[in-house]
């Protein structure tokens, strides 16, 4: 696991393209939840499209931050905040709408709480910026696909799609895969935090 303490200087700008995309993703949560709560085949399809757009912005903001060299301190907060708010709120509505299992929602909630509290502790107490690790990025990618397919599997498309059984199976087995990845990435984040905190403590006492 790579060291998550950011060694390079970051911009202090807020209005960068990656940050605007992160803010847009956070605002997209409102219409996504609205469509999911409507609980109709048409609104479920709209929710699927909106979730797809939201996770596309997640890819684009990181990609553009690297290409444009516009990584910022606020971006290090906005990007993961958008991911976690999106995943937790969507999975919560899916669970309470009896569309997703309880264990899936609980795993998403606890994994993201571990990451969030660790990042807050690192920033406020240890004065460190903890960057995402590879397993976390892969998990977010898989999670985005699975969360998007849930509303699709309840949408009007399933009435006509010749492969609706395939989509439903992908949702079921994708949930199992995402759950395992949530457990693993949560564990890796915990280990990574602990390792960096101990290194910081040793450096402080030198």
C-alpha atoms as a PDB file:
ATOM      1  CA  UNK A   1       0.000   0.000   0.000  1.00  0.00           C
ATOM      2  CA  UNK A   2       1.440   3.339  -0.965  1.00  0.00           C
ATOM      3  CA  UNK A   3       2.050   6.088   1.520  1.00  0.00           C
ATOM      4  CA  UNK A   4      -1.076   8.268   1.593  1.00  0.00           C
ATOM      5  CA  UNK A   5       0.564  11.376   2.943  1.00  0.00           C
ATOM      6  CA  UNK A   6       0.646  13.899   0.127  1.00  0.00           C
ATOM      7  CA  UNK A   7       4.246  15.081  -0.453  1.00  0.00           C
ATOM      8  CA  UNK A   8       3.524  17.576  -3.249  1.00  0.00           C
ATOM      9  CA  UNK A   9       2.266  21.143  -2.877  1.00  0.00           C
ATOM     10  CA  UNK A  10      -1.430  21.687  -3.603  1.00  0.00           C
ATOM     11  CA  UNK A  11      -3.205  24.685  -5.048  1.00  0.00           C
ATOM     12  CA  UNK A  12      -5.376  26.731  -2.726  1.00  0.00           C
ATOM     13  CA  UNK A  13      -7.896  27.558  -5.460  1.00  0.00           C
ATOM     14  CA  UNK A  14     -11.542  26.552  -5.106  1.00  0.00           C
ATOM     15  CA  UNK A  15     -12.890  27.306  -8.595  1.00  0.00           C
ATOM     16  CA  UNK A  16     -11.009  24.688 -10.569  1.00  0.00           C
ATOM     17  CA  UNK A  17     -12.667  22.365 -13.089  1.00  0.00           C
ATOM     18  CA  UNK A  18     -12.162  19.253 -10.887  1.00  0.00           C
ATOM     19  CA  UNK A  19     -13.685  21.031  -7.867  1.00  0.00           C
ATOM     20  CA  UNK A  20     -16.665  22.212  -9.905  1.00  0.00           C
ATOM     21  CA  UNK A  21     -17.250  18.608 -11.002  1.00  0.00           C
ATOM     22  CA  UNK A  22     -17.048  17.432  -7.379  1.00  0.00           C
ATOM     23  CA  UNK A  23     -19.581  20.077  -6.300  1.00  0.00           C
ATOM     24  CA  UNK A  24     -21.818  19.119  -9.229  1.00  0.00           C
ATOM     25  CA  UNK A  25     -21.682  15.477  -8.097  1.00  0.00           C
ATOM     26  CA  UNK A  26     -22.772  16.468  -4.596  1.00  0.00           C
ATOM     27  CA  UNK A  27     -25.695  18.510  -5.971  1.00  0.00           C
ATOM     28  CA  UNK A  28     -26.714  15.577  -8.190  1.00  0.00           C
ATOM     29  CA  UNK A  29     -27.541  13.589  -5.042  1.00  0.00           C
ATOM     30  CA  UNK A  30     -30.763  15.587  -4.605  1.00  0.00           C
ATOM     31  CA  UNK A  31     -32.370  14.692  -7.968  1.00  0.00           C
ATOM     32  CA  UNK A  32     -31.065  11.117  -7.692  1.00  0.00           C
ATOM     33  CA  UNK A  33     -32.792  10.627  -4.338  1.00  0.00           C
ATOM     34  CA  UNK A  34     -35.908  12.343  -5.644  1.00  0.00           C
ATOM     35  CA  UNK A  35     -36.118   9.909  -8.571  1.00  0.00           C
ATOM     36  CA  UNK A  36     -35.450   6.895  -6.354  1.00  0.00           C
ATOM     37  CA  UNK A  37     -38.165   7.965  -3.896  1.00  0.00           C
ATOM     38  CA  UNK A  38     -40.711   8.299  -6.716  1.00  0.00           C
ATOM     39  CA  UNK A  39     -40.348   4.532  -7.086  1.00  0.00           C
ATOM     40  CA  UNK A  40     -41.733   4.206 -10.599  1.00  0.00           C
ATOM     41  CA  UNK A  41     -40.148   2.339 -13.544  1.00  0.00           C
ATOM     42  CA  UNK A  42     -39.580   5.677 -15.282  1.00  0.00           C
ATOM     43  CA  UNK A  43     -38.041   7.403 -12.259  1.00  0.00           C
ATOM     44  CA  UNK A  44     -35.809   4.388 -11.590  1.00  0.00           C
ATOM     45  CA  UNK A  45     -34.438   4.695 -15.110  1.00  0.00           C
ATOM     46  CA  UNK A  46     -33.810   8.416 -14.573  1.00  0.00           C
ATOM     47  CA  UNK A  47     -32.025   7.574 -11.313  1.00  0.00           C
ATOM     48  CA  UNK A  48     -29.848   5.085 -13.210  1.00  0.00           C
ATOM     49  CA  UNK A  49     -28.836   7.771 -15.711  1.00  0.00           C
ATOM     50  CA  UNK A  50     -28.139  10.342 -12.995  1.00  0.00           C
ATOM     51  CA  UNK A  51     -26.025   7.890 -10.974  1.00  0.00           C
ATOM     52  CA  UNK A  52     -24.065   7.156 -14.142  1.00  0.00           C
ATOM     53  CA  UNK A  53     -23.431  10.870 -14.674  1.00  0.00           C
ATOM     54  CA  UNK A  54     -22.437  11.305 -11.011  1.00  0.00           C
ATOM     55  CA  UNK A  55     -19.834   8.537 -11.145  1.00  0.00           C
ATOM     56  CA  UNK A  56     -18.583   9.808 -14.503  1.00  0.00           C
ATOM     57  CA  UNK A  57     -17.780  13.133 -12.819  1.00  0.00           C
ATOM     58  CA  UNK A  58     -15.865  11.161 -10.185  1.00  0.00           C
ATOM     59  CA  UNK A  59     -13.608   9.779 -12.896  1.00  0.00           C
ATOM     60  CA  UNK A  60     -13.308  13.095 -14.693  1.00  0.00           C
ATOM     61  CA  UNK A  61     -12.412  15.250 -11.682  1.00  0.00           C
ATOM     62  CA  UNK A  62      -9.464  13.050 -10.755  1.00  0.00           C
ATOM     63  CA  UNK A  63      -8.374  12.688 -14.378  1.00  0.00           C
ATOM     64  CA  UNK A  64      -8.552  16.426 -15.065  1.00  0.00           C
ATOM     65  CA  UNK A  65      -6.811  17.273 -11.785  1.00  0.00           C
ATOM     66  CA  UNK A  66      -3.825  15.249 -12.965  1.00  0.00           C
ATOM     67  CA  UNK A  67      -3.887  16.442 -16.580  1.00  0.00           C
ATOM     68  CA  UNK A  68      -4.416  20.119 -15.731  1.00  0.00           C
ATOM     69  CA  UNK A  69      -2.202  19.938 -12.622  1.00  0.00           C
ATOM     70  CA  UNK A  70      -5.013  21.572 -10.669  1.00  0.00           C
ATOM     71  CA  UNK A  71      -5.147  19.437  -7.539  1.00  0.00           C
ATOM     72  CA  UNK A  72      -6.198  21.566  -4.576  1.00  0.00           C
ATOM     73  CA  UNK A  73      -6.527  21.234  -0.831  1.00  0.00           C
ATOM     74  CA  UNK A  74     -10.292  21.712  -0.969  1.00  0.00           C
ATOM     75  CA  UNK A  75     -10.432  19.176  -3.786  1.00  0.00           C
ATOM     76  CA  UNK A  76      -8.848  16.579  -1.517  1.00  0.00           C
ATOM     77  CA  UNK A  77     -11.924  17.015   0.673  1.00  0.00           C
ATOM     78  CA  UNK A  78     -14.662  17.576  -1.930  1.00  0.00           C
ATOM     79  CA  UNK A  79     -13.853  14.545  -4.089  1.00  0.00           C
ATOM     80  CA  UNK A  80     -14.068  11.833  -1.383  1.00  0.00           C
ATOM     81  CA  UNK A  81     -16.917  13.694   0.335  1.00  0.00           C
ATOM     82  CA  UNK A  82     -18.964  13.525  -2.860  1.00  0.00           C
ATOM     83  CA  UNK A  83     -18.232   9.815  -3.268  1.00  0.00           C
ATOM     84  CA  UNK A  84     -19.247   8.958   0.266  1.00  0.00           C
ATOM     85  CA  UNK A  85     -22.385  11.090   0.373  1.00  0.00           C
ATOM     86  CA  UNK A  86     -23.495   9.585  -2.929  1.00  0.00           C
ATOM     87  CA  UNK A  87     -22.830   5.965  -1.952  1.00  0.00           C
ATOM     88  CA  UNK A  88     -24.337   6.213   1.541  1.00  0.00           C
ATOM     89  CA  UNK A  89     -27.487   8.109   0.566  1.00  0.00           C
ATOM     90  CA  UNK A  90     -28.219   6.020  -2.545  1.00  0.00           C
ATOM     91  CA  UNK A  91     -27.664   2.713  -0.722  1.00  0.00           C
ATOM     92  CA  UNK A  92     -29.817   3.937   2.176  1.00  0.00           C
ATOM     93  CA  UNK A  93     -32.751   4.821  -0.100  1.00  0.00           C
ATOM     94  CA  UNK A  94     -32.360   1.516  -1.957  1.00  0.00           C
ATOM     95  CA  UNK A  95     -32.411  -0.408   1.327  1.00  0.00           C
ATOM     96  CA  UNK A  96     -35.368   1.437   2.850  1.00  0.00           C
ATOM     97  CA  UNK A  97     -37.148   1.078  -0.484  1.00  0.00           C
ATOM     98  CA  UNK A  98     -36.664  -2.716  -0.191  1.00  0.00           C
ATOM     99  CA  UNK A  99     -34.484  -2.809  -3.300  1.00  0.00           C
ATOM    100  CA  UNK A 100     -31.086  -3.578  -1.752  1.00  0.00           C
ATOM    101  CA  UNK A 101     -30.095  -5.825   1.180  1.00  0.00           C
ATOM    102  CA  UNK A 102     -29.362  -4.451   4.638  1.00  0.00           C
ATOM    103  CA  UNK A 103     -25.829  -5.885   4.795  1.00  0.00           C
ATOM    104  CA  UNK A 104     -24.873  -3.977   1.634  1.00  0.00           C
ATOM    105  CA  UNK A 105     -26.009  -0.654   3.075  1.00  0.00           C
ATOM    106  CA  UNK A 106     -24.296  -1.372   6.420  1.00  0.00           C
ATOM    107  CA  UNK A 107     -20.987  -2.279   4.741  1.00  0.00           C
ATOM    108  CA  UNK A 108     -21.035   0.922   2.676  1.00  0.00           C
ATOM    109  CA  UNK A 109     -21.907   2.997   5.747  1.00  0.00           C
ATOM    110  CA  UNK A 110     -19.258   1.539   8.055  1.00  0.00           C
ATOM    111  CA  UNK A 111     -16.501   1.498   5.436  1.00  0.00           C
ATOM    112  CA  UNK A 112     -17.087   5.140   4.549  1.00  0.00           C
ATOM    113  CA  UNK A 113     -17.320   6.145   8.214  1.00  0.00           C
ATOM    114  CA  UNK A 114     -13.960   4.488   8.876  1.00  0.00           C
ATOM    115  CA  UNK A 115     -12.382   6.361   5.975  1.00  0.00           C
ATOM    116  CA  UNK A 116     -14.026   9.672   6.911  1.00  0.00           C
ATOM    117  CA  UNK A 117     -13.139   9.586  10.609  1.00  0.00           C
ATOM    118  CA  UNK A 118      -9.590   8.489   9.787  1.00  0.00           C
ATOM    119  CA  UNK A 119      -9.189  11.337   7.301  1.00  0.00           C
ATOM    120  CA  UNK A 120     -10.634  13.894   9.743  1.00  0.00           C
ATOM    121  CA  UNK A 121      -8.360  12.677  12.536  1.00  0.00           C
ATOM    122  CA  UNK A 122      -5.358  12.803  10.221  1.00  0.00           C
ATOM    123  CA  UNK A 123      -6.160  16.316   9.045  1.00  0.00           C
ATOM    124  CA  UNK A 124      -7.100  17.894  12.383  1.00  0.00           C
ATOM    125  CA  UNK A 125      -4.849  16.054  14.828  1.00  0.00           C
ATOM    126  CA  UNK A 126      -1.909  14.780  12.803  1.00  0.00           C
ATOM    127  CA  UNK A 127      -1.893  17.609  10.221  1.00  0.00           C
ATOM    128  CA  UNK A 128      -1.749  15.066   7.402  1.00  0.00           C
ATOM    129  CA  UNK A 129      -3.676  14.749   4.142  1.00  0.00           C
ATOM    130  CA  UNK A 130      -4.550  11.103   3.510  1.00  0.00           C
ATOM    131  CA  UNK A 131      -4.932  10.285  -0.168  1.00  0.00           C
ATOM    132  CA  UNK A 132      -7.102   7.453  -1.562  1.00  0.00           C
ATOM    133  CA  UNK A 133      -5.425   4.088  -1.998  1.00  0.00           C
ATOM    134  CA  UNK A 134      -5.779   1.854  -5.063  1.00  0.00           C
ATOM    135  CA  UNK A 135      -8.167  -0.631  -3.437  1.00  0.00           C
ATOM    136  CA  UNK A 136     -10.436   2.252  -2.467  1.00  0.00           C
ATOM    137  CA  UNK A 137     -10.530   3.606  -6.024  1.00  0.00           C
ATOM    138  CA  UNK A 138     -11.306   0.173  -7.488  1.00  0.00           C
ATOM    139  CA  UNK A 139     -14.014  -0.391  -4.885  1.00  0.00           C
ATOM    140  CA  UNK A 140     -15.601   2.983  -5.692  1.00  0.00           C
ATOM    141  CA  UNK A 141     -15.606   2.066  -9.400  1.00  0.00           C
ATOM    142  CA  UNK A 142     -17.297  -1.309  -8.810  1.00  0.00           C
ATOM    143  CA  UNK A 143     -19.694   0.242  -6.297  1.00  0.00           C
ATOM    144  CA  UNK A 144     -20.745   2.878  -8.807  1.00  0.00           C
ATOM    145  CA  UNK A 145     -21.648   0.212 -11.364  1.00  0.00           C
ATOM    146  CA  UNK A 146     -23.609  -1.893  -8.861  1.00  0.00           C
ATOM    147  CA  UNK A 147     -25.492   1.033  -7.317  1.00  0.00           C
ATOM    148  CA  UNK A 148     -26.409   2.236 -10.795  1.00  0.00           C
ATOM    149  CA  UNK A 149     -27.677  -1.178 -11.886  1.00  0.00           C
ATOM    150  CA  UNK A 150     -30.039  -1.461  -8.906  1.00  0.00           C
ATOM    151  CA  UNK A 151     -32.517   1.179 -10.144  1.00  0.00           C
ATOM    152  CA  UNK A 152     -32.019  -0.047 -13.732  1.00  0.00           C
ATOM    153  CA  UNK A 153     -33.156  -3.523 -12.655  1.00  0.00           C
ATOM    154  CA  UNK A 154     -36.447  -1.990 -11.437  1.00  0.00           C
ATOM    155  CA  UNK A 155     -36.936   0.326 -14.431  1.00  0.00           C
ATOM    156  CA  UNK A 156     -39.220  -0.008 -17.449  1.00  0.00           C
ATOM    157  CA  UNK A 157     -36.215  -1.186 -19.500  1.00  0.00           C
ATOM    158  CA  UNK A 158     -36.517  -4.587 -17.840  1.00  0.00           C
ATOM    159  CA  UNK A 159     -39.904  -5.097 -19.490  1.00  0.00           C
ATOM    160  CA  UNK A 160     -38.316  -5.087 -22.925  1.00  0.00           C
ATOM    161  CA  UNK A 161     -34.698  -6.053 -22.462  1.00  0.00           C
ATOM    162  CA  UNK A 162     -34.028  -9.596 -23.700  1.00  0.00           C
ATOM    163  CA  UNK A 163     -31.180  -9.807 -21.219  1.00  0.00           C
ATOM    164  CA  UNK A 164     -33.064  -8.732 -18.084  1.00  0.00           C
ATOM    165  CA  UNK A 165     -32.132 -11.972 -16.303  1.00  0.00           C
ATOM    166  CA  UNK A 166     -28.467 -11.186 -16.971  1.00  0.00           C
ATOM    167  CA  UNK A 167     -28.837  -7.701 -15.474  1.00  0.00           C
ATOM    168  CA  UNK A 168     -30.497  -9.108 -12.362  1.00  0.00           C
ATOM    169  CA  UNK A 169     -27.715 -11.698 -11.965  1.00  0.00           C
ATOM    170  CA  UNK A 170     -25.068  -8.998 -12.402  1.00  0.00           C
ATOM    171  CA  UNK A 171     -26.762  -7.009  -9.632  1.00  0.00           C
ATOM    172  CA  UNK A 172     -26.815 -10.020  -7.287  1.00  0.00           C
ATOM    173  CA  UNK A 173     -23.242 -11.176  -7.883  1.00  0.00           C
ATOM    174  CA  UNK A 174     -22.010  -7.604  -8.241  1.00  0.00           C
ATOM    175  CA  UNK A 175     -23.364  -6.932  -4.758  1.00  0.00           C
ATOM    176  CA  UNK A 176     -21.402  -9.900  -3.411  1.00  0.00           C
ATOM    177  CA  UNK A 177     -18.235  -8.723  -5.167  1.00  0.00           C
ATOM    178  CA  UNK A 178     -18.670  -5.115  -4.012  1.00  0.00           C
ATOM    179  CA  UNK A 179     -19.305  -6.299  -0.442  1.00  0.00           C
ATOM    180  CA  UNK A 180     -16.050  -8.264  -0.341  1.00  0.00           C
ATOM    181  CA  UNK A 181     -14.202  -5.280  -1.794  1.00  0.00           C
ATOM    182  CA  UNK A 182     -15.787  -2.961   0.790  1.00  0.00           C
ATOM    183  CA  UNK A 183     -14.507  -5.186   3.597  1.00  0.00           C
ATOM    184  CA  UNK A 184     -11.023  -5.451   2.083  1.00  0.00           C
ATOM    185  CA  UNK A 185     -10.633  -1.763   1.235  1.00  0.00           C
ATOM    186  CA  UNK A 186     -11.953  -0.765   4.670  1.00  0.00           C
ATOM    187  CA  UNK A 187      -9.334  -3.015   6.248  1.00  0.00           C
ATOM    188  CA  UNK A 188      -6.577  -1.650   3.995  1.00  0.00           C
ATOM    189  CA  UNK A 189      -7.540   1.926   4.840  1.00  0.00           C
ATOM    190  CA  UNK A 190      -7.449   1.127   8.561  1.00  0.00           C
ATOM    191  CA  UNK A 191      -3.988  -0.423   8.232  1.00  0.00           C
ATOM    192  CA  UNK A 192      -2.785   2.467   6.083  1.00  0.00           C
ATOM    193  CA  UNK A 193      -4.027   5.044   8.589  1.00  0.00           C
ATOM    194  CA  UNK A 194      -2.440   3.212  11.503  1.00  0.00           C
ATOM    195  CA  UNK A 195       0.872   2.856   9.668  1.00  0.00           C
ATOM    196  CA  UNK A 196       1.008   6.550   8.763  1.00  0.00           C
ATOM    197  CA  UNK A 197      -0.049   7.660  12.259  1.00  0.00           C
ATOM    198  CA  UNK A 198       2.709   5.540  13.814  1.00  0.00           C
ATOM    199  CA  UNK A 199       5.284   6.926  11.364  1.00  0.00           C
ATOM    200  CA  UNK A 200       4.171  10.454  12.189  1.00  0.00           C
ATOM    201  CA  UNK A 201       4.430   9.725  15.908  1.00  0.00           C
ATOM    202  CA  UNK A 202       8.000   8.414  15.511  1.00  0.00           C
ATOM    203  CA  UNK A 203       8.989  11.490  13.492  1.00  0.00           C
ATOM    204  CA  UNK A 204       7.494  13.767  16.149  1.00  0.00           C
ATOM    205  CA  UNK A 205       9.545  12.145  18.915  1.00  0.00           C
ATOM    206  CA  UNK A 206      12.841  12.345  17.043  1.00  0.00           C
END
